[in-house]
Amino acid sequence: MSDTPTANPLFQGLVFSLAGATMQQLGKVKNPITDKMELDLDAARQSIDLLGMLADKTAGNLTPDEDKLLKAVLRDLRLNYVDTAKDAPAQESAPSDAPKA
């Protein structure tokens, strides 16, 4: 039997739950409630930032497996965010009723 601690299933569940929600927000996975692909880059960015904060706050307190999992999930989500954001239609920064120059 190994003395190396393994990833806690509850921690894995939390990371995978947040990752799954982020993939829905990025429009990569159908929303199970609406059965539609939906894109919400702001929500996706917040979810990624939440996972990043979790990584920062738990640094040094994770098992090697948990640390590896969290870093891999963050890397994958960040790459997907960048890929999705560059292909997303540009959002106007001015209100739609603003006069045009």
N, C-alpha and C. Protein backbone atom coordinates (compact mmCIF):
# COMPACT_ATOMS: atom_id res chain seq x y z
N MET A 1 0.84 -1.17 0.00
CA MET A 1 0.00 0.00 0.00
C MET A 1 0.89 1.24 0.00
N SER A 2 0.56 2.23 -0.80
CA SER A 2 1.36 3.44 -0.95
C SER A 2 1.03 4.45 0.15
N ASP A 3 2.07 5.20 0.57
CA ASP A 3 1.87 6.25 1.56
C ASP A 3 1.53 7.58 0.91
N THR A 4 1.55 7.64 -0.42
CA THR A 4 1.25 8.87 -1.13
C THR A 4 -0.25 9.12 -1.08
N PRO A 5 -0.66 10.27 -0.52
CA PRO A 5 -2.10 10.55 -0.48
C PRO A 5 -2.66 10.77 -1.88
N THR A 6 -3.87 10.29 -2.10
CA THR A 6 -4.52 10.44 -3.40
C THR A 6 -5.55 11.57 -3.33
N ALA A 7 -6.10 11.90 -4.46
CA ALA A 7 -7.08 12.98 -4.53
C ALA A 7 -8.36 12.59 -3.80
N ASN A 8 -8.88 13.54 -3.05
CA ASN A 8 -10.13 13.36 -2.34
C ASN A 8 -11.28 13.39 -3.35
N PRO A 9 -12.18 12.42 -3.32
CA PRO A 9 -13.28 12.40 -4.29
C PRO A 9 -14.16 13.65 -4.20
N LEU A 10 -14.32 14.22 -3.03
CA LEU A 10 -15.12 15.45 -2.90
C LEU A 10 -14.44 16.62 -3.59
N PHE A 11 -13.11 16.71 -3.47
CA PHE A 11 -12.38 17.77 -4.14
C PHE A 11 -12.47 17.58 -5.65
N GLN A 12 -12.29 16.35 -6.11
CA GLN A 12 -12.43 16.07 -7.54
C GLN A 12 -13.82 16.45 -8.04
N GLY A 13 -14.84 16.12 -7.27
CA GLY A 13 -16.22 16.44 -7.65
C GLY A 13 -16.43 17.94 -7.78
N LEU A 14 -15.86 18.71 -6.85
CA LEU A 14 -15.98 20.15 -6.90
C LEU A 14 -15.31 20.71 -8.15
N VAL A 15 -14.09 20.26 -8.42
CA VAL A 15 -13.35 20.75 -9.58
C VAL A 15 -14.09 20.37 -10.87
N PHE A 16 -14.53 19.14 -10.98
CA PHE A 16 -15.23 18.70 -12.19
C PHE A 16 -16.58 19.41 -12.35
N SER A 17 -17.26 19.69 -11.25
CA SER A 17 -18.53 20.40 -11.32
C SER A 17 -18.34 21.81 -11.86
N LEU A 18 -17.35 22.52 -11.33
CA LEU A 18 -17.06 23.87 -11.82
C LEU A 18 -16.56 23.84 -13.27
N ALA A 19 -15.78 22.84 -13.61
CA ALA A 19 -15.28 22.72 -14.98
C ALA A 19 -16.44 22.44 -15.94
N GLY A 20 -17.36 21.59 -15.55
CA GLY A 20 -18.52 21.29 -16.40
C GLY A 20 -19.38 22.51 -16.63
N ALA A 21 -19.61 23.28 -15.57
CA ALA A 21 -20.39 24.52 -15.70
C ALA A 21 -19.68 25.49 -16.64
N THR A 22 -18.36 25.57 -16.52
CA THR A 22 -17.59 26.47 -17.38
C THR A 22 -17.69 26.04 -18.84
N MET A 23 -17.63 24.76 -19.09
CA MET A 23 -17.74 24.29 -20.47
C MET A 23 -19.13 24.61 -21.05
N GLN A 24 -20.17 24.55 -20.22
CA GLN A 24 -21.50 24.97 -20.67
C GLN A 24 -21.50 26.45 -20.99
N GLN A 25 -20.88 27.26 -20.13
CA GLN A 25 -20.84 28.70 -20.32
C GLN A 25 -20.04 29.07 -21.57
N LEU A 26 -19.09 28.24 -21.92
CA LEU A 26 -18.30 28.46 -23.13
C LEU A 26 -18.98 27.95 -24.39
N GLY A 27 -20.15 27.35 -24.23
CA GLY A 27 -20.88 26.84 -25.38
C GLY A 27 -20.30 25.56 -25.95
N LYS A 28 -19.54 24.83 -25.15
CA LYS A 28 -18.93 23.58 -25.60
C LYS A 28 -19.80 22.37 -25.28
N VAL A 29 -20.73 22.56 -24.32
CA VAL A 29 -21.60 21.48 -23.85
C VAL A 29 -23.01 22.05 -23.76
N LYS A 30 -24.00 21.26 -24.13
CA LYS A 30 -25.39 21.72 -24.05
C LYS A 30 -25.80 21.95 -22.59
N ASN A 31 -26.59 22.99 -22.40
CA ASN A 31 -27.22 23.23 -21.10
C ASN A 31 -28.29 22.16 -20.93
N PRO A 32 -28.23 21.35 -19.88
CA PRO A 32 -29.19 20.25 -19.74
C PRO A 32 -30.62 20.72 -19.49
N ILE A 33 -30.79 21.94 -19.03
CA ILE A 33 -32.13 22.45 -18.76
C ILE A 33 -32.79 22.95 -20.04
N THR A 34 -32.05 23.71 -20.83
CA THR A 34 -32.61 24.27 -22.07
C THR A 34 -32.36 23.39 -23.28
N ASP A 35 -31.44 22.45 -23.15
CA ASP A 35 -31.02 21.56 -24.24
C ASP A 35 -30.47 22.36 -25.42
N LYS A 36 -29.82 23.51 -25.09
CA LYS A 36 -29.23 24.36 -26.12
C LYS A 36 -27.78 24.66 -25.78
N MET A 37 -27.01 24.98 -26.81
CA MET A 37 -25.65 25.45 -26.62
C MET A 37 -25.74 26.94 -26.33
N GLU A 38 -25.18 27.37 -25.22
CA GLU A 38 -25.26 28.77 -24.82
C GLU A 38 -23.86 29.31 -24.55
N LEU A 39 -23.65 30.57 -24.88
CA LEU A 39 -22.35 31.20 -24.68
C LEU A 39 -22.50 32.37 -23.72
N ASP A 40 -21.73 32.33 -22.63
CA ASP A 40 -21.70 33.43 -21.65
C ASP A 40 -20.25 33.58 -21.20
N LEU A 41 -19.50 34.39 -21.95
CA LEU A 41 -18.07 34.53 -21.67
C LEU A 41 -17.79 35.15 -20.31
N ASP A 42 -18.65 36.07 -19.86
CA ASP A 42 -18.44 36.68 -18.54
C ASP A 42 -18.57 35.63 -17.43
N ALA A 43 -19.59 34.80 -17.52
CA ALA A 43 -19.77 33.75 -16.52
C ALA A 43 -18.64 32.74 -16.58
N ALA A 44 -18.19 32.42 -17.78
CA ALA A 44 -17.09 31.47 -17.93
C ALA A 44 -15.82 32.03 -17.30
N ARG A 45 -15.56 33.31 -17.54
CA ARG A 45 -14.38 33.94 -16.96
C ARG A 45 -14.45 33.92 -15.43
N GLN A 46 -15.64 34.18 -14.87
CA GLN A 46 -15.81 34.15 -13.42
C GLN A 46 -15.59 32.74 -12.87
N SER A 47 -16.07 31.75 -13.56
CA SER A 47 -15.88 30.37 -13.12
C SER A 47 -14.41 29.97 -13.15
N ILE A 48 -13.71 30.39 -14.20
CA ILE A 48 -12.27 30.11 -14.30
C ILE A 48 -11.52 30.84 -13.20
N ASP A 49 -11.90 32.11 -12.96
CA ASP A 49 -11.28 32.87 -11.88
C ASP A 49 -11.53 32.22 -10.52
N LEU A 50 -12.71 31.65 -10.33
CA LEU A 50 -13.03 30.96 -9.09
C LEU A 50 -12.12 29.75 -8.89
N LEU A 51 -11.93 28.98 -9.94
CA LEU A 51 -11.02 27.84 -9.86
C LEU A 51 -9.58 28.30 -9.63
N GLY A 52 -9.19 29.41 -10.24
CA GLY A 52 -7.86 29.96 -10.02
C GLY A 52 -7.67 30.40 -8.58
N MET A 53 -8.70 31.02 -8.00
CA MET A 53 -8.63 31.41 -6.60
C MET A 53 -8.52 30.17 -5.70
N LEU A 54 -9.27 29.13 -6.04
CA LEU A 54 -9.20 27.89 -5.28
C LEU A 54 -7.78 27.33 -5.32
N ALA A 55 -7.15 27.39 -6.48
CA ALA A 55 -5.77 26.91 -6.61
C ALA A 55 -4.83 27.75 -5.75
N ASP A 56 -5.01 29.07 -5.77
CA ASP A 56 -4.15 29.95 -4.97
C ASP A 56 -4.34 29.71 -3.48
N LYS A 57 -5.58 29.60 -3.05
CA LYS A 57 -5.87 29.46 -1.62
C LYS A 57 -5.51 28.09 -1.06
N THR A 58 -5.44 27.09 -1.91
CA THR A 58 -5.12 25.74 -1.43
C THR A 58 -3.67 25.34 -1.73
N ALA A 59 -2.90 26.27 -2.30
CA ALA A 59 -1.50 25.96 -2.65
C ALA A 59 -0.76 25.45 -1.42
N GLY A 60 -0.09 24.32 -1.58
CA GLY A 60 0.66 23.71 -0.49
C GLY A 60 -0.17 22.79 0.39
N ASN A 61 -1.48 22.76 0.19
CA ASN A 61 -2.36 21.93 1.01
C ASN A 61 -3.04 20.82 0.22
N LEU A 62 -2.69 20.68 -1.03
CA LEU A 62 -3.29 19.64 -1.87
C LEU A 62 -2.35 18.46 -1.99
N THR A 63 -2.94 17.31 -2.23
CA THR A 63 -2.12 16.14 -2.54
C THR A 63 -1.54 16.36 -3.94
N PRO A 64 -0.49 15.64 -4.29
CA PRO A 64 0.05 15.79 -5.65
C PRO A 64 -1.00 15.53 -6.73
N ASP A 65 -1.87 14.54 -6.51
CA ASP A 65 -2.92 14.24 -7.51
C ASP A 65 -3.92 15.38 -7.62
N GLU A 66 -4.31 15.97 -6.47
CA GLU A 66 -5.25 17.08 -6.49
C GLU A 66 -4.65 18.30 -7.19
N ASP A 67 -3.39 18.57 -6.89
CA ASP A 67 -2.69 19.70 -7.50
C ASP A 67 -2.60 19.51 -9.01
N LYS A 68 -2.25 18.32 -9.43
CA LYS A 68 -2.13 18.01 -10.86
C LYS A 68 -3.49 18.16 -11.56
N LEU A 69 -4.55 17.66 -10.92
CA LEU A 69 -5.89 17.76 -11.48
C LEU A 69 -6.30 19.22 -11.64
N LEU A 70 -6.14 20.00 -10.60
CA LEU A 70 -6.57 21.39 -10.64
C LEU A 70 -5.80 22.18 -11.69
N LYS A 71 -4.50 21.97 -11.78
CA LYS A 71 -3.69 22.67 -12.78
C LYS A 71 -4.09 22.27 -14.20
N ALA A 72 -4.34 20.99 -14.41
CA ALA A 72 -4.72 20.51 -15.74
C ALA A 72 -6.09 21.06 -16.16
N VAL A 73 -7.03 21.06 -15.23
CA VAL A 73 -8.36 21.58 -15.53
C VAL A 73 -8.29 23.07 -15.84
N LEU A 74 -7.55 23.82 -15.04
CA LEU A 74 -7.40 25.26 -15.28
C LEU A 74 -6.75 25.53 -16.64
N ARG A 75 -5.72 24.78 -16.96
CA ARG A 75 -5.04 24.96 -18.25
C ARG A 75 -6.02 24.71 -19.40
N ASP A 76 -6.77 23.63 -19.32
CA ASP A 76 -7.72 23.28 -20.37
C ASP A 76 -8.82 24.34 -20.50
N LEU A 77 -9.36 24.80 -19.38
CA LEU A 77 -10.42 25.80 -19.42
C LEU A 77 -9.91 27.13 -19.96
N ARG A 78 -8.73 27.51 -19.55
CA ARG A 78 -8.16 28.78 -20.04
C ARG A 78 -7.92 28.73 -21.54
N LEU A 79 -7.42 27.62 -22.03
CA LEU A 79 -7.21 27.49 -23.47
C LEU A 79 -8.53 27.52 -24.23
N ASN A 80 -9.53 26.85 -23.70
CA ASN A 80 -10.86 26.86 -24.33
C ASN A 80 -11.46 28.26 -24.29
N TYR A 81 -11.26 28.98 -23.19
CA TYR A 81 -11.78 30.35 -23.10
C TYR A 81 -11.16 31.23 -24.17
N VAL A 82 -9.84 31.19 -24.29
CA VAL A 82 -9.15 32.02 -25.28
C VAL A 82 -9.62 31.66 -26.68
N ASP A 83 -9.72 30.38 -26.97
CA ASP A 83 -10.15 29.91 -28.29
C ASP A 83 -11.58 30.38 -28.58
N THR A 84 -12.46 30.29 -27.60
CA THR A 84 -13.85 30.69 -27.78
C THR A 84 -13.98 32.20 -27.90
N ALA A 85 -13.25 32.93 -27.07
CA ALA A 85 -13.35 34.39 -27.06
C ALA A 85 -12.88 35.00 -28.38
N LYS A 86 -11.86 34.42 -28.97
CA LYS A 86 -11.37 34.99 -30.24
C LYS A 86 -12.34 34.75 -31.39
N ASP A 87 -13.15 33.72 -31.29
CA ASP A 87 -14.12 33.41 -32.34
C ASP A 87 -15.50 34.00 -32.07
N ALA A 88 -15.72 34.51 -30.84
CA ALA A 88 -17.03 35.06 -30.48
C ALA A 88 -17.25 36.39 -31.18
N PRO A 89 -18.48 36.67 -31.55
CA PRO A 89 -18.75 37.97 -32.16
C PRO A 89 -18.41 39.09 -31.19
N ALA A 90 -17.86 40.17 -31.72
CA ALA A 90 -17.48 41.30 -30.87
C ALA A 90 -18.72 41.89 -30.23
N GLN A 91 -18.61 42.14 -28.93
CA GLN A 91 -19.72 42.75 -28.20
C GLN A 91 -19.50 44.25 -28.16
N GLU A 92 -20.55 45.00 -28.39
CA GLU A 92 -20.44 46.44 -28.37
C GLU A 92 -20.25 46.92 -26.94
N SER A 93 -19.35 47.88 -26.75
CA SER A 93 -19.13 48.42 -25.42
C SER A 93 -20.08 49.56 -25.11
N ALA A 94 -20.65 50.19 -26.14
CA ALA A 94 -21.57 51.30 -25.93
C ALA A 94 -23.01 50.77 -25.94
N PRO A 95 -23.91 51.42 -25.19
CA PRO A 95 -25.32 51.00 -25.23
C PRO A 95 -25.87 51.11 -26.64
N SER A 96 -26.84 50.29 -26.96
CA SER A 96 -27.37 50.25 -28.32
C SER A 96 -28.10 51.53 -28.70
N ASP A 97 -28.57 52.32 -27.72
CA ASP A 97 -29.26 53.55 -28.04
C ASP A 97 -28.32 54.76 -28.09
N ALA A 98 -27.02 54.52 -27.97
CA ALA A 98 -26.04 55.60 -28.02
C ALA A 98 -25.94 56.13 -29.45
N PRO A 99 -25.78 57.46 -29.59
CA PRO A 99 -25.65 58.01 -30.94
C PRO A 99 -24.37 57.51 -31.61
N LYS A 100 -24.47 57.28 -32.90
CA LYS A 100 -23.31 56.78 -33.65
C LYS A 100 -22.59 57.97 -34.28
N ALA A 101 -21.28 57.88 -34.30
CA ALA A 101 -20.49 58.99 -34.84
C ALA A 101 -20.43 58.95 -36.34
